[in-house]
Amino acid sequence: MNNKELKVILVDAKNGEDEAVCKLLDKYKKLIHTYSFVNGELKEDLKQDLICETIDKIKKFKI
């Protein structure tokens, strides 16, 4: 995904298009997964919180 494609997907996600939000979450799923660990243990609640926060921040992201 190049910068131009990313910008289009961000605009679509900000406009509430579920497919675009899913594409962004898919792009960053490894990063979200990495930050979902506490003391070496995967915390599913934390992972869900990170996903929800990511979706919330997408809506507020300034392009």
Foldseek 3Di string as FASTA:
>chain_A
DDPVVLVVLLVVLLVPDPVSLVVVCVVCVVVLQVVQDDPRDGDVVSSVVVSVVVSVVSNVDDD
